[in-house]
Amino acid sequence: MRQLTTTNPQPTPFQIWLLASRPKTLPAAAAPVIVGTAVAISENVFSLGPAVAALLGALLIQIGTNFANDVFDFKKGADTTTRLGPLRVTQAGLLSPEQVTAGMWLTFGLATLIGLYLVIVGGWPIVVIGLLSIASGIAYTGGPFPLGYNGLGDLFVFIFFGLVAVCGTYYVQAGTVSPASIWAAVPVGLLATAILVVNNLRDIDTDRAAGKKTLAVRFGRRATQIEYFLLLGLSYAIPVIMGLAGIASAWLLLT
């Protein structure tokens, strides 16, 4: 377990919970909402209330998922003193598993409250999207068949950070899904998946030791590097295709 040195001041509860929320991951949650809203603006269907609610909901679900990952990775032995990367609060003993679990449920509860407004706006499809998003956030590292431990993390991220988040954001504003929103969702999902791939490559040794069978663990470093560059290449190629095909305006591609 990582120990805080005696020369460092004891972090405040706020600082500990901020660390647990993993703020550096939040841009990845905000990006698809911004892109979905940009498509809505370009197609003259923008609605401020649903757009803001979608952003807040996405951020809360991401934070709740981060709490879930923190506690479940600790319980499964994936977060140890030998892993690289940012400090994990449960593994470091800054918070107990029970505290982090309570924080997870509280955060998902707040996301659900915001989701009630989006349900009023968008109807039953939002119920399905919301429940699946929360369930998948927990199931990524928790439950009897954790997605991240069984090589399904990449697919999960592509679907929920790409297709679901972008198209869902557009839907709550327009009441439908347009071809442009679907096309725009693909590169966003690819870039989010690329972030996961980098993390999995970094953690390949500790994940292998913990029995976390990510695609990086299954196929090795070289294949993971190839996957990363393919994801980046496709994420930049698709917007160009969108522009050439007239699916999206040039300014929208800048998002």
C-alpha atoms as a PDB file:
ATOM      1  CA  MET A   1       0.000   0.000   0.000  1.00  0.00           C
ATOM      2  CA  ARG A   2       1.328   3.432  -0.896  1.00  0.00           C
ATOM      3  CA  GLN A   3       2.058   5.494   2.179  1.00  0.00           C
ATOM      4  CA  LEU A   4       1.963   9.270   2.402  1.00  0.00           C
ATOM      5  CA  THR A   5       5.337  10.612   3.498  1.00  0.00           C
ATOM      6  CA  THR A   6       5.578  12.472   6.795  1.00  0.00           C
ATOM      7  CA  THR A   7       6.666  15.624   4.957  1.00  0.00           C
ATOM      8  CA  ASN A   8       3.384  15.782   3.050  1.00  0.00           C
ATOM      9  CA  PRO A   9       0.346  17.349   4.747  1.00  0.00           C
ATOM     10  CA  GLN A  10      -2.614  15.068   5.295  1.00  0.00           C
ATOM     11  CA  PRO A  11      -5.083  15.628   2.440  1.00  0.00           C
ATOM     12  CA  THR A  12      -8.463  17.037   3.342  1.00  0.00           C
ATOM     13  CA  PRO A  13     -11.631  14.979   2.784  1.00  0.00           C
ATOM     14  CA  PHE A  14     -12.452  17.210  -0.185  1.00  0.00           C
ATOM     15  CA  GLN A  15      -9.041  16.547  -1.743  1.00  0.00           C
ATOM     16  CA  ILE A  16      -9.434  12.806  -1.201  1.00  0.00           C
ATOM     17  CA  TRP A  17     -12.867  12.663  -2.826  1.00  0.00           C
ATOM     18  CA  LEU A  18     -11.642  14.879  -5.656  1.00  0.00           C
ATOM     19  CA  LEU A  19      -8.804  12.421  -6.227  1.00  0.00           C
ATOM     20  CA  ALA A  20     -11.268   9.520  -6.145  1.00  0.00           C
ATOM     21  CA  SER A  21     -13.448  11.215  -8.760  1.00  0.00           C
ATOM     22  CA  ARG A  22     -10.503  11.210 -11.219  1.00  0.00           C
ATOM     23  CA  PRO A  23     -11.128  14.683 -12.700  1.00  0.00           C
ATOM     24  CA  LYS A  24      -8.728  14.031 -15.577  1.00  0.00           C
ATOM     25  CA  THR A  25     -11.227  11.492 -16.951  1.00  0.00           C
ATOM     26  CA  LEU A  26     -14.102  13.973 -17.060  1.00  0.00           C
ATOM     27  CA  PRO A  27     -13.200  15.580 -20.415  1.00  0.00           C
ATOM     28  CA  ALA A  28     -13.730  12.152 -21.993  1.00  0.00           C
ATOM     29  CA  ALA A  29     -17.256  12.155 -20.538  1.00  0.00           C
ATOM     30  CA  ALA A  30     -17.950  15.741 -21.592  1.00  0.00           C
ATOM     31  CA  ALA A  31     -16.618  15.402 -25.151  1.00  0.00           C
ATOM     32  CA  PRO A  32     -19.455  13.269 -26.580  1.00  0.00           C
ATOM     33  CA  VAL A  33     -22.065  15.587 -25.058  1.00  0.00           C
ATOM     34  CA  ILE A  34     -20.315  18.586 -26.606  1.00  0.00           C
ATOM     35  CA  VAL A  35     -20.168  16.857 -29.988  1.00  0.00           C
ATOM     36  CA  GLY A  36     -23.810  15.780 -29.819  1.00  0.00           C
ATOM     37  CA  THR A  37     -24.785  19.340 -28.926  1.00  0.00           C
ATOM     38  CA  ALA A  38     -22.643  20.715 -31.752  1.00  0.00           C
ATOM     39  CA  VAL A  39     -24.530  18.513 -34.208  1.00  0.00           C
ATOM     40  CA  ALA A  40     -27.814  19.735 -32.717  1.00  0.00           C
ATOM     41  CA  ILE A  41     -26.729  23.352 -33.155  1.00  0.00           C
ATOM     42  CA  SER A  42     -25.669  22.730 -36.760  1.00  0.00           C
ATOM     43  CA  GLU A  43     -29.087  21.230 -37.507  1.00  0.00           C
ATOM     44  CA  ASN A  44     -31.014  23.982 -35.667  1.00  0.00           C
ATOM     45  CA  VAL A  45     -32.472  21.687 -32.995  1.00  0.00           C
ATOM     46  CA  PHE A  46     -30.385  22.882 -30.041  1.00  0.00           C
ATOM     47  CA  SER A  47     -32.139  23.000 -26.662  1.00  0.00           C
ATOM     48  CA  LEU A  48     -30.231  24.437 -23.700  1.00  0.00           C
ATOM     49  CA  GLY A  49     -31.981  22.632 -20.828  1.00  0.00           C
ATOM     50  CA  PRO A  50     -31.563  19.078 -22.158  1.00  0.00           C
ATOM     51  CA  ALA A  51     -28.002  19.846 -23.280  1.00  0.00           C
ATOM     52  CA  VAL A  52     -26.948  21.021 -19.815  1.00  0.00           C
ATOM     53  CA  ALA A  53     -28.761  18.127 -18.126  1.00  0.00           C
ATOM     54  CA  ALA A  54     -27.076  15.633 -20.462  1.00  0.00           C
ATOM     55  CA  LEU A  55     -23.675  17.105 -19.595  1.00  0.00           C
ATOM     56  CA  LEU A  56     -24.280  16.967 -15.845  1.00  0.00           C
ATOM     57  CA  GLY A  57     -25.660  13.440 -16.097  1.00  0.00           C
ATOM     58  CA  ALA A  58     -22.678  12.262 -18.135  1.00  0.00           C
ATOM     59  CA  LEU A  59     -20.207  13.737 -15.651  1.00  0.00           C
ATOM     60  CA  LEU A  60     -21.984  12.168 -12.675  1.00  0.00           C
ATOM     61  CA  ILE A  61     -22.150   8.747 -14.335  1.00  0.00           C
ATOM     62  CA  GLN A  62     -18.428   9.005 -15.118  1.00  0.00           C
ATOM     63  CA  ILE A  63     -17.606   9.906 -11.516  1.00  0.00           C
ATOM     64  CA  GLY A  64     -19.796   7.076 -10.229  1.00  0.00           C
ATOM     65  CA  THR A  65     -18.064   4.679 -12.595  1.00  0.00           C
ATOM     66  CA  ASN A  66     -14.678   5.917 -11.367  1.00  0.00           C
ATOM     67  CA  PHE A  67     -15.723   5.196  -7.781  1.00  0.00           C
ATOM     68  CA  ALA A  68     -16.869   1.724  -8.844  1.00  0.00           C
ATOM     69  CA  ASN A  69     -13.584   1.035 -10.622  1.00  0.00           C
ATOM     70  CA  ASP A  70     -11.597   2.228  -7.616  1.00  0.00           C
ATOM     71  CA  VAL A  71     -13.273  -0.135  -5.167  1.00  0.00           C
ATOM     72  CA  PHE A  72     -13.766  -3.159  -7.446  1.00  0.00           C
ATOM     73  CA  ASP A  73     -10.221  -3.065  -8.860  1.00  0.00           C
ATOM     74  CA  PHE A  74      -8.949  -2.944  -5.282  1.00  0.00           C
ATOM     75  CA  LYS A  75     -11.069  -5.907  -4.240  1.00  0.00           C
ATOM     76  CA  LYS A  76      -9.964  -7.920  -7.283  1.00  0.00           C
ATOM     77  CA  GLY A  77      -6.276  -7.165  -6.718  1.00  0.00           C
ATOM     78  CA  ALA A  78      -5.732  -5.115  -9.879  1.00  0.00           C
ATOM     79  CA  ASP A  79      -4.717  -1.990  -7.936  1.00  0.00           C
ATOM     80  CA  THR A  80      -1.527  -2.745  -6.039  1.00  0.00           C
ATOM     81  CA  THR A  81       1.604  -0.886  -5.003  1.00  0.00           C
ATOM     82  CA  THR A  82       3.303  -2.063  -8.207  1.00  0.00           C
ATOM     83  CA  ARG A  83       0.826  -0.517 -10.669  1.00  0.00           C
ATOM     84  CA  LEU A  84       1.787   2.584 -12.594  1.00  0.00           C
ATOM     85  CA  GLY A  85      -0.394   5.648 -12.932  1.00  0.00           C
ATOM     86  CA  PRO A  86      -2.388   7.862 -10.563  1.00  0.00           C
ATOM     87  CA  LEU A  87      -2.985   6.995  -6.920  1.00  0.00           C
ATOM     88  CA  ARG A  88      -6.155   5.048  -6.147  1.00  0.00           C
ATOM     89  CA  VAL A  89      -7.806   6.074  -2.899  1.00  0.00           C
ATOM     90  CA  THR A  90      -9.067   2.652  -1.813  1.00  0.00           C
ATOM     91  CA  GLN A  91      -5.750   0.956  -2.478  1.00  0.00           C
ATOM     92  CA  ALA A  92      -3.902   3.785  -0.703  1.00  0.00           C
ATOM     93  CA  GLY A  93      -6.116   3.486   2.363  1.00  0.00           C
ATOM     94  CA  LEU A  94      -7.405   7.059   2.075  1.00  0.00           C
ATOM     95  CA  LEU A  95     -10.988   5.791   1.940  1.00  0.00           C
ATOM     96  CA  SER A  96     -12.504   2.456   2.892  1.00  0.00           C
ATOM     97  CA  PRO A  97     -14.262   0.283   0.304  1.00  0.00           C
ATOM     98  CA  GLU A  98     -17.532   0.998   2.111  1.00  0.00           C
ATOM     99  CA  GLN A  99     -17.020   4.757   1.823  1.00  0.00           C
ATOM    100  CA  VAL A 100     -16.216   4.593  -1.884  1.00  0.00           C
ATOM    101  CA  THR A 101     -19.182   2.296  -2.506  1.00  0.00           C
ATOM    102  CA  ALA A 102     -21.467   4.756  -0.712  1.00  0.00           C
ATOM    103  CA  GLY A 103     -20.044   7.561  -2.833  1.00  0.00           C
ATOM    104  CA  MET A 104     -20.724   5.513  -5.952  1.00  0.00           C
ATOM    105  CA  TRP A 105     -24.400   5.003  -5.091  1.00  0.00           C
ATOM    106  CA  LEU A 106     -24.841   8.636  -4.087  1.00  0.00           C
ATOM    107  CA  THR A 107     -23.361   9.823  -7.377  1.00  0.00           C
ATOM    108  CA  PHE A 108     -25.460   7.441  -9.439  1.00  0.00           C
ATOM    109  CA  GLY A 109     -28.482   8.596  -7.433  1.00  0.00           C
ATOM    110  CA  LEU A 110     -27.796  12.217  -8.375  1.00  0.00           C
ATOM    111  CA  ALA A 111     -27.405  11.168 -12.006  1.00  0.00           C
ATOM    112  CA  THR A 112     -30.781   9.436 -11.783  1.00  0.00           C
ATOM    113  CA  LEU A 113     -32.441  12.615 -10.499  1.00  0.00           C
ATOM    114  CA  ILE A 114     -31.118  14.524 -13.490  1.00  0.00           C
ATOM    115  CA  GLY A 115     -32.197  11.637 -15.680  1.00  0.00           C
ATOM    116  CA  LEU A 116     -35.797  12.083 -14.529  1.00  0.00           C
ATOM    117  CA  TYR A 117     -35.860  15.461 -16.245  1.00  0.00           C
ATOM    118  CA  LEU A 118     -34.395  13.942 -19.403  1.00  0.00           C
ATOM    119  CA  VAL A 119     -37.043  11.204 -19.288  1.00  0.00           C
ATOM    120  CA  ILE A 120     -39.730  13.896 -19.279  1.00  0.00           C
ATOM    121  CA  VAL A 121     -38.048  15.456 -22.301  1.00  0.00           C
ATOM    122  CA  GLY A 122     -37.092  12.322 -24.225  1.00  0.00           C
ATOM    123  CA  GLY A 123     -39.431   9.583 -23.015  1.00  0.00           C
ATOM    124  CA  TRP A 124     -38.812   5.871 -22.448  1.00  0.00           C
ATOM    125  CA  PRO A 125     -35.636   5.607 -24.612  1.00  0.00           C
ATOM    126  CA  ILE A 126     -33.885   7.741 -22.000  1.00  0.00           C
ATOM    127  CA  VAL A 127     -34.942   5.302 -19.274  1.00  0.00           C
ATOM    128  CA  VAL A 128     -33.238   2.508 -21.205  1.00  0.00           C
ATOM    129  CA  ILE A 129     -30.120   4.587 -21.895  1.00  0.00           C
ATOM    130  CA  GLY A 130     -29.843   5.724 -18.281  1.00  0.00           C
ATOM    131  CA  LEU A 131     -30.289   2.294 -16.743  1.00  0.00           C
ATOM    132  CA  LEU A 132     -27.850   0.692 -19.177  1.00  0.00           C
ATOM    133  CA  SER A 133     -25.277   3.433 -18.584  1.00  0.00           C
ATOM    134  CA  ILE A 134     -25.367   3.031 -14.803  1.00  0.00           C
ATOM    135  CA  ALA A 135     -25.471  -0.770 -14.944  1.00  0.00           C
ATOM    136  CA  SER A 136     -22.551  -0.856 -17.369  1.00  0.00           C
ATOM    137  CA  GLY A 137     -20.585   1.597 -15.245  1.00  0.00           C
ATOM    138  CA  ILE A 138     -20.836  -0.848 -12.349  1.00  0.00           C
ATOM    139  CA  ALA A 139     -20.399  -3.948 -14.503  1.00  0.00           C
ATOM    140  CA  TYR A 140     -17.208  -2.597 -16.065  1.00  0.00           C
ATOM    141  CA  THR A 141     -15.202  -3.821 -13.074  1.00  0.00           C
ATOM    142  CA  GLY A 142     -17.904  -5.240 -10.770  1.00  0.00           C
ATOM    143  CA  GLY A 143     -20.448  -8.011 -10.769  1.00  0.00           C
ATOM    144  CA  PRO A 144     -20.153 -11.679 -11.750  1.00  0.00           C
ATOM    145  CA  PHE A 145     -18.888 -10.888 -15.271  1.00  0.00           C
ATOM    146  CA  PRO A 146     -16.918  -7.621 -15.186  1.00  0.00           C
ATOM    147  CA  LEU A 147     -16.583  -6.304 -18.728  1.00  0.00           C
ATOM    148  CA  GLY A 148     -13.119  -4.847 -18.242  1.00  0.00           C
ATOM    149  CA  TYR A 149     -11.821  -8.169 -16.918  1.00  0.00           C
ATOM    150  CA  ASN A 150     -13.140 -10.155 -19.865  1.00  0.00           C
ATOM    151  CA  GLY A 151     -11.834  -8.244 -22.871  1.00  0.00           C
ATOM    152  CA  LEU A 152     -15.033  -6.247 -23.439  1.00  0.00           C
ATOM    153  CA  GLY A 153     -13.817  -2.899 -22.131  1.00  0.00           C
ATOM    154  CA  ASP A 154     -12.927  -1.542 -25.561  1.00  0.00           C
ATOM    155  CA  LEU A 155     -16.364  -2.343 -26.965  1.00  0.00           C
ATOM    156  CA  PHE A 156     -18.055  -0.901 -23.875  1.00  0.00           C
ATOM    157  CA  VAL A 157     -16.192   2.398 -24.177  1.00  0.00           C
ATOM    158  CA  PHE A 158     -16.840   2.708 -27.922  1.00  0.00           C
ATOM    159  CA  ILE A 159     -20.576   2.130 -27.483  1.00  0.00           C
ATOM    160  CA  PHE A 160     -21.221   4.260 -24.402  1.00  0.00           C
ATOM    161  CA  PHE A 161     -18.705   7.076 -24.919  1.00  0.00           C
ATOM    162  CA  GLY A 162     -19.453   7.207 -28.638  1.00  0.00           C
ATOM    163  CA  LEU A 163     -22.789   6.033 -29.967  1.00  0.00           C
ATOM    164  CA  VAL A 164     -24.869   6.241 -26.791  1.00  0.00           C
ATOM    165  CA  ALA A 165     -23.515   9.533 -25.448  1.00  0.00           C
ATOM    166  CA  VAL A 166     -23.402  11.493 -28.712  1.00  0.00           C
ATOM    167  CA  CYS A 167     -26.664  10.195 -30.158  1.00  0.00           C
ATOM    168  CA  GLY A 168     -28.365  10.342 -26.759  1.00  0.00           C
ATOM    169  CA  THR A 169     -27.375  13.990 -26.337  1.00  0.00           C
ATOM    170  CA  TYR A 170     -28.691  14.791 -29.791  1.00  0.00           C
ATOM    171  CA  TYR A 171     -31.883  12.826 -29.142  1.00  0.00           C
ATOM    172  CA  VAL A 172     -32.899  14.701 -25.983  1.00  0.00           C
ATOM    173  CA  GLN A 173     -32.665  17.935 -27.954  1.00  0.00           C
ATOM    174  CA  ALA A 174     -34.142  16.864 -31.301  1.00  0.00           C
ATOM    175  CA  GLY A 175     -36.434  13.985 -30.368  1.00  0.00           C
ATOM    176  CA  THR A 176     -34.796  11.824 -33.007  1.00  0.00           C
ATOM    177  CA  VAL A 177     -31.377  10.637 -34.179  1.00  0.00           C
ATOM    178  CA  SER A 178     -29.915  12.032 -37.391  1.00  0.00           C
ATOM    179  CA  PRO A 179     -27.335  10.438 -39.713  1.00  0.00           C
ATOM    180  CA  ALA A 180     -24.876  13.203 -38.813  1.00  0.00           C
ATOM    181  CA  SER A 181     -25.146  12.410 -35.096  1.00  0.00           C
ATOM    182  CA  ILE A 182     -24.390   8.748 -35.762  1.00  0.00           C
ATOM    183  CA  TRP A 183     -21.424   9.569 -37.967  1.00  0.00           C
ATOM    184  CA  ALA A 184     -20.117  12.079 -35.423  1.00  0.00           C
ATOM    185  CA  ALA A 185     -20.416   9.507 -32.639  1.00  0.00           C
ATOM    186  CA  VAL A 186     -18.012   7.083 -34.278  1.00  0.00           C
ATOM    187  CA  PRO A 187     -14.761   9.130 -34.061  1.00  0.00           C
ATOM    188  CA  VAL A 188     -15.646  10.209 -30.517  1.00  0.00           C
ATOM    189  CA  GLY A 189     -16.025   6.577 -29.503  1.00  0.00           C
ATOM    190  CA  LEU A 190     -12.787   5.663 -31.251  1.00  0.00           C
ATOM    191  CA  LEU A 191     -10.830   8.370 -29.427  1.00  0.00           C
ATOM    192  CA  ALA A 192     -12.301   7.359 -26.066  1.00  0.00           C
ATOM    193  CA  THR A 193     -11.349   3.761 -26.794  1.00  0.00           C
ATOM    194  CA  ALA A 194      -7.821   4.889 -27.651  1.00  0.00           C
ATOM    195  CA  ILE A 195      -7.527   6.417 -24.169  1.00  0.00           C
ATOM    196  CA  LEU A 196      -8.535   3.085 -22.646  1.00  0.00           C
ATOM    197  CA  VAL A 197      -6.040   1.247 -24.840  1.00  0.00           C
ATOM    198  CA  VAL A 198      -3.194   3.453 -23.576  1.00  0.00           C
ATOM    199  CA  ASN A 199      -4.215   2.766 -19.978  1.00  0.00           C
ATOM    200  CA  ASN A 200      -4.449  -0.970 -20.627  1.00  0.00           C
ATOM    201  CA  LEU A 201      -1.012  -0.960 -22.230  1.00  0.00           C
ATOM    202  CA  ARG A 202       0.395   0.828 -19.187  1.00  0.00           C
ATOM    203  CA  ASP A 203      -1.254  -1.659 -16.811  1.00  0.00           C
ATOM    204  CA  ILE A 204      -0.610  -4.806 -18.853  1.00  0.00           C
ATOM    205  CA  ASP A 205       1.700  -6.447 -16.306  1.00  0.00           C
ATOM    206  CA  THR A 206      -0.398  -5.766 -13.201  1.00  0.00           C
ATOM    207  CA  ASP A 207      -3.600  -6.637 -15.072  1.00  0.00           C
ATOM    208  CA  ARG A 208      -2.113  -9.955 -16.154  1.00  0.00           C
ATOM    209  CA  ALA A 209      -1.083 -10.728 -12.581  1.00  0.00           C
ATOM    210  CA  ALA A 210      -4.597  -9.907 -11.326  1.00  0.00           C
ATOM    211  CA  GLY A 211      -6.293 -12.019 -13.998  1.00  0.00           C
ATOM    212  CA  LYS A 212      -7.741  -8.949 -15.720  1.00  0.00           C
ATOM    213  CA  LYS A 213      -7.933 -10.189 -19.318  1.00  0.00           C
ATOM    214  CA  THR A 214      -8.014  -6.944 -21.258  1.00  0.00           C
ATOM    215  CA  LEU A 215      -7.335  -7.076 -24.988  1.00  0.00           C
ATOM    216  CA  ALA A 216      -3.830  -5.854 -24.199  1.00  0.00           C
ATOM    217  CA  VAL A 217      -3.286  -8.856 -21.924  1.00  0.00           C
ATOM    218  CA  ARG A 218      -4.847 -11.239 -24.441  1.00  0.00           C
ATOM    219  CA  PHE A 219      -2.962 -10.079 -27.537  1.00  0.00           C
ATOM    220  CA  GLY A 220       0.190  -8.428 -26.204  1.00  0.00           C
ATOM    221  CA  ARG A 221       1.954  -5.096 -26.469  1.00  0.00           C
ATOM    222  CA  ARG A 222       2.557  -5.041 -30.210  1.00  0.00           C
ATOM    223  CA  ALA A 223      -1.063  -5.751 -31.113  1.00  0.00           C
ATOM    224  CA  THR A 224      -2.203  -3.141 -28.589  1.00  0.00           C
ATOM    225  CA  GLN A 225       0.057  -0.529 -30.165  1.00  0.00           C
ATOM    226  CA  ILE A 226      -1.358  -1.365 -33.594  1.00  0.00           C
ATOM    227  CA  GLU A 227      -4.904  -1.096 -32.222  1.00  0.00           C
ATOM    228  CA  TYR A 228      -4.087   2.320 -30.791  1.00  0.00           C
ATOM    229  CA  PHE A 229      -2.790   3.727 -34.071  1.00  0.00           C
ATOM    230  CA  LEU A 230      -5.730   2.264 -35.997  1.00  0.00           C
ATOM    231  CA  LEU A 231      -8.165   3.906 -33.599  1.00  0.00           C
ATOM    232  CA  LEU A 232      -6.439   7.261 -33.995  1.00  0.00           C
ATOM    233  CA  GLY A 233      -6.242   6.952 -37.778  1.00  0.00           C
ATOM    234  CA  LEU A 234      -9.915   6.092 -38.154  1.00  0.00           C
ATOM    235  CA  SER A 235     -10.991   8.816 -35.742  1.00  0.00           C
ATOM    236  CA  TYR A 236      -9.349  11.420 -37.984  1.00  0.00           C
ATOM    237  CA  ALA A 237     -10.385   9.816 -41.267  1.00  0.00           C
ATOM    238  CA  ILE A 238     -14.118   9.655 -40.528  1.00  0.00           C
ATOM    239  CA  PRO A 239     -14.601  13.433 -40.058  1.00  0.00           C
ATOM    240  CA  VAL A 240     -12.855  13.977 -43.384  1.00  0.00           C
ATOM    241  CA  ILE A 241     -15.233  11.493 -45.001  1.00  0.00           C
ATOM    242  CA  MET A 242     -18.149  13.312 -43.376  1.00  0.00           C
ATOM    243  CA  GLY A 243     -16.984  16.598 -44.841  1.00  0.00           C
ATOM    244  CA  LEU A 244     -16.363  15.218 -48.322  1.00  0.00           C
ATOM    245  CA  ALA A 245     -19.744  13.489 -48.337  1.00  0.00           C
ATOM    246  CA  GLY A 246     -21.513  16.635 -47.182  1.00  0.00           C
ATOM    247  CA  ILE A 247     -22.770  14.944 -44.008  1.00  0.00           C
ATOM    248  CA  ALA A 248     -21.430  17.713 -41.779  1.00  0.00           C
ATOM    249  CA  SER A 249     -20.295  21.292 -42.226  1.00  0.00           C
ATOM    250  CA  ALA A 250     -16.627  22.196 -42.049  1.00  0.00           C
ATOM    251  CA  TRP A 251     -16.966  24.100 -38.742  1.00  0.00           C
ATOM    252  CA  LEU A 252     -18.664  21.152 -37.086  1.00  0.00           C
ATOM    253  CA  LEU A 253     -15.671  18.958 -37.927  1.00  0.00           C
ATOM    254  CA  LEU A 254     -13.527  21.197 -35.721  1.00  0.00           C
ATOM    255  CA  THR A 255     -15.302  19.802 -32.660  1.00  0.00           C
END
